Amino acid sequence: MPNLTYNATWDFNPADAVTLNAAFTFDLQDPSDNQTVSGVLTTLQGRTPHVTLTQTDNATISVVVTI
């Protein structure tokens, strides 16, 4: 699976909800893929996401979601 990094900046209000969305598109023509897309979905649905939050400086919070 890929490691993806995206950044967002906003004037945070503690009442704000934070939503993380990710979409993955698979190359269905890649002969080296050893699992169907439905198989990947089933595998990921069986995992528990882990969220790590760190404050990297006084203006930045890093959010890492691992599935």
C-alpha atoms as a PDB file:
ATOM      1  CA  MET A   1       0.000   0.000   0.000  1.00  0.00           C
ATOM      2  CA  PRO A   2       1.192   3.528  -0.641  1.00  0.00           C
ATOM      3  CA  ASN A   3       2.318   6.083   1.884  1.00  0.00           C
ATOM      4  CA  LEU A   4       0.471   9.311   1.128  1.00  0.00           C
ATOM      5  CA  THR A   5       1.096  12.745   2.610  1.00  0.00           C
ATOM      6  CA  TYR A   6      -1.242  15.705   2.276  1.00  0.00           C
ATOM      7  CA  ASN A   7      -1.300  18.995   4.138  1.00  0.00           C
ATOM      8  CA  ALA A   8      -4.175  21.259   5.120  1.00  0.00           C
ATOM      9  CA  THR A   9      -4.097  24.637   6.813  1.00  0.00           C
ATOM     10  CA  TRP A  10      -6.954  26.476   8.479  1.00  0.00           C
ATOM     11  CA  ASP A  11      -7.742  28.712  11.427  1.00  0.00           C
ATOM     12  CA  PHE A  12      -8.780  25.953  13.805  1.00  0.00           C
ATOM     13  CA  ASN A  13     -11.731  26.385  16.123  1.00  0.00           C
ATOM     14  CA  PRO A  14     -12.005  23.703  18.838  1.00  0.00           C
ATOM     15  CA  ALA A  15     -15.642  23.164  17.786  1.00  0.00           C
ATOM     16  CA  ASP A  16     -14.554  22.299  14.227  1.00  0.00           C
ATOM     17  CA  ALA A  17     -14.918  18.704  13.119  1.00  0.00           C
ATOM     18  CA  VAL A  18     -11.896  17.238  11.352  1.00  0.00           C
ATOM     19  CA  THR A  19     -12.620  14.676   8.637  1.00  0.00           C
ATOM     20  CA  LEU A  20      -9.961  12.662   6.833  1.00  0.00           C
ATOM     21  CA  ASN A  21     -10.931  11.069   3.521  1.00  0.00           C
ATOM     22  CA  ALA A  22      -8.806   8.868   1.294  1.00  0.00           C
ATOM     23  CA  ALA A  23      -9.597   7.168  -1.999  1.00  0.00           C
ATOM     24  CA  PHE A  24      -7.409   4.576  -3.680  1.00  0.00           C
ATOM     25  CA  THR A  25      -7.637   3.595  -7.325  1.00  0.00           C
ATOM     26  CA  PHE A  26      -6.134   0.266  -8.297  1.00  0.00           C
ATOM     27  CA  ASP A  27      -4.581  -0.610 -11.633  1.00  0.00           C
ATOM     28  CA  LEU A  28      -6.742  -3.556 -12.670  1.00  0.00           C
ATOM     29  CA  GLN A  29      -4.398  -4.359 -15.563  1.00  0.00           C
ATOM     30  CA  ASP A  30      -1.287  -4.828 -13.406  1.00  0.00           C
ATOM     31  CA  PRO A  31      -0.284  -8.502 -13.644  1.00  0.00           C
ATOM     32  CA  SER A  32       1.760  -8.265 -10.444  1.00  0.00           C
ATOM     33  CA  ASP A  33      -1.308  -7.536  -8.297  1.00  0.00           C
ATOM     34  CA  ASN A  34      -1.979 -10.643  -6.252  1.00  0.00           C
ATOM     35  CA  GLN A  35      -5.345  -9.637  -4.814  1.00  0.00           C
ATOM     36  CA  THR A  36      -8.588  -8.363  -6.325  1.00  0.00           C
ATOM     37  CA  VAL A  37      -9.948  -4.951  -5.317  1.00  0.00           C
ATOM     38  CA  SER A  38     -12.763  -6.661  -3.413  1.00  0.00           C
ATOM     39  CA  GLY A  39     -10.115  -8.710  -1.591  1.00  0.00           C
ATOM     40  CA  VAL A  40      -8.262  -5.540  -0.601  1.00  0.00           C
ATOM     41  CA  LEU A  41     -11.519  -4.000   0.629  1.00  0.00           C
ATOM     42  CA  THR A  42     -12.264  -7.057   2.761  1.00  0.00           C
ATOM     43  CA  THR A  43      -8.736  -7.032   4.174  1.00  0.00           C
ATOM     44  CA  LEU A  44      -8.870  -3.333   5.092  1.00  0.00           C
ATOM     45  CA  GLN A  45     -12.367  -3.621   6.595  1.00  0.00           C
ATOM     46  CA  GLY A  46     -10.992  -6.257   8.956  1.00  0.00           C
ATOM     47  CA  ARG A  47      -8.331  -3.938  10.345  1.00  0.00           C
ATOM     48  CA  THR A  48      -8.623  -1.374  13.121  1.00  0.00           C
ATOM     49  CA  PRO A  49      -7.361   2.084  12.101  1.00  0.00           C
ATOM     50  CA  HIS A  50      -4.704   3.556  14.370  1.00  0.00           C
ATOM     51  CA  VAL A  51      -4.485   7.350  14.724  1.00  0.00           C
ATOM     52  CA  THR A  52      -1.325   9.072  15.933  1.00  0.00           C
ATOM     53  CA  LEU A  53      -1.377  12.790  16.774  1.00  0.00           C
ATOM     54  CA  THR A  54       1.796  14.762  17.426  1.00  0.00           C
ATOM     55  CA  GLN A  55       2.516  18.444  17.775  1.00  0.00           C
ATOM     56  CA  THR A  56       5.597  19.049  15.642  1.00  0.00           C
ATOM     57  CA  ASP A  57       5.874  22.757  16.519  1.00  0.00           C
ATOM     58  CA  ASN A  58       3.624  25.353  18.160  1.00  0.00           C
ATOM     59  CA  ALA A  59       1.628  25.825  14.924  1.00  0.00           C
ATOM     60  CA  THR A  60       1.533  22.294  13.505  1.00  0.00           C
ATOM     61  CA  ILE A  61      -0.238  19.078  14.439  1.00  0.00           C
ATOM     62  CA  SER A  62       0.600  15.925  12.516  1.00  0.00           C
ATOM     63  CA  VAL A  63      -2.148  13.323  12.098  1.00  0.00           C
ATOM     64  CA  VAL A  64      -1.131   9.855  10.918  1.00  0.00           C
ATOM     65  CA  VAL A  65      -3.774   7.231  10.182  1.00  0.00           C
ATOM     66  CA  THR A  66      -2.527   3.682   9.740  1.00  0.00           C
ATOM     67  CA  ILE A  67      -4.824   0.889   8.571  1.00  0.00           C
END
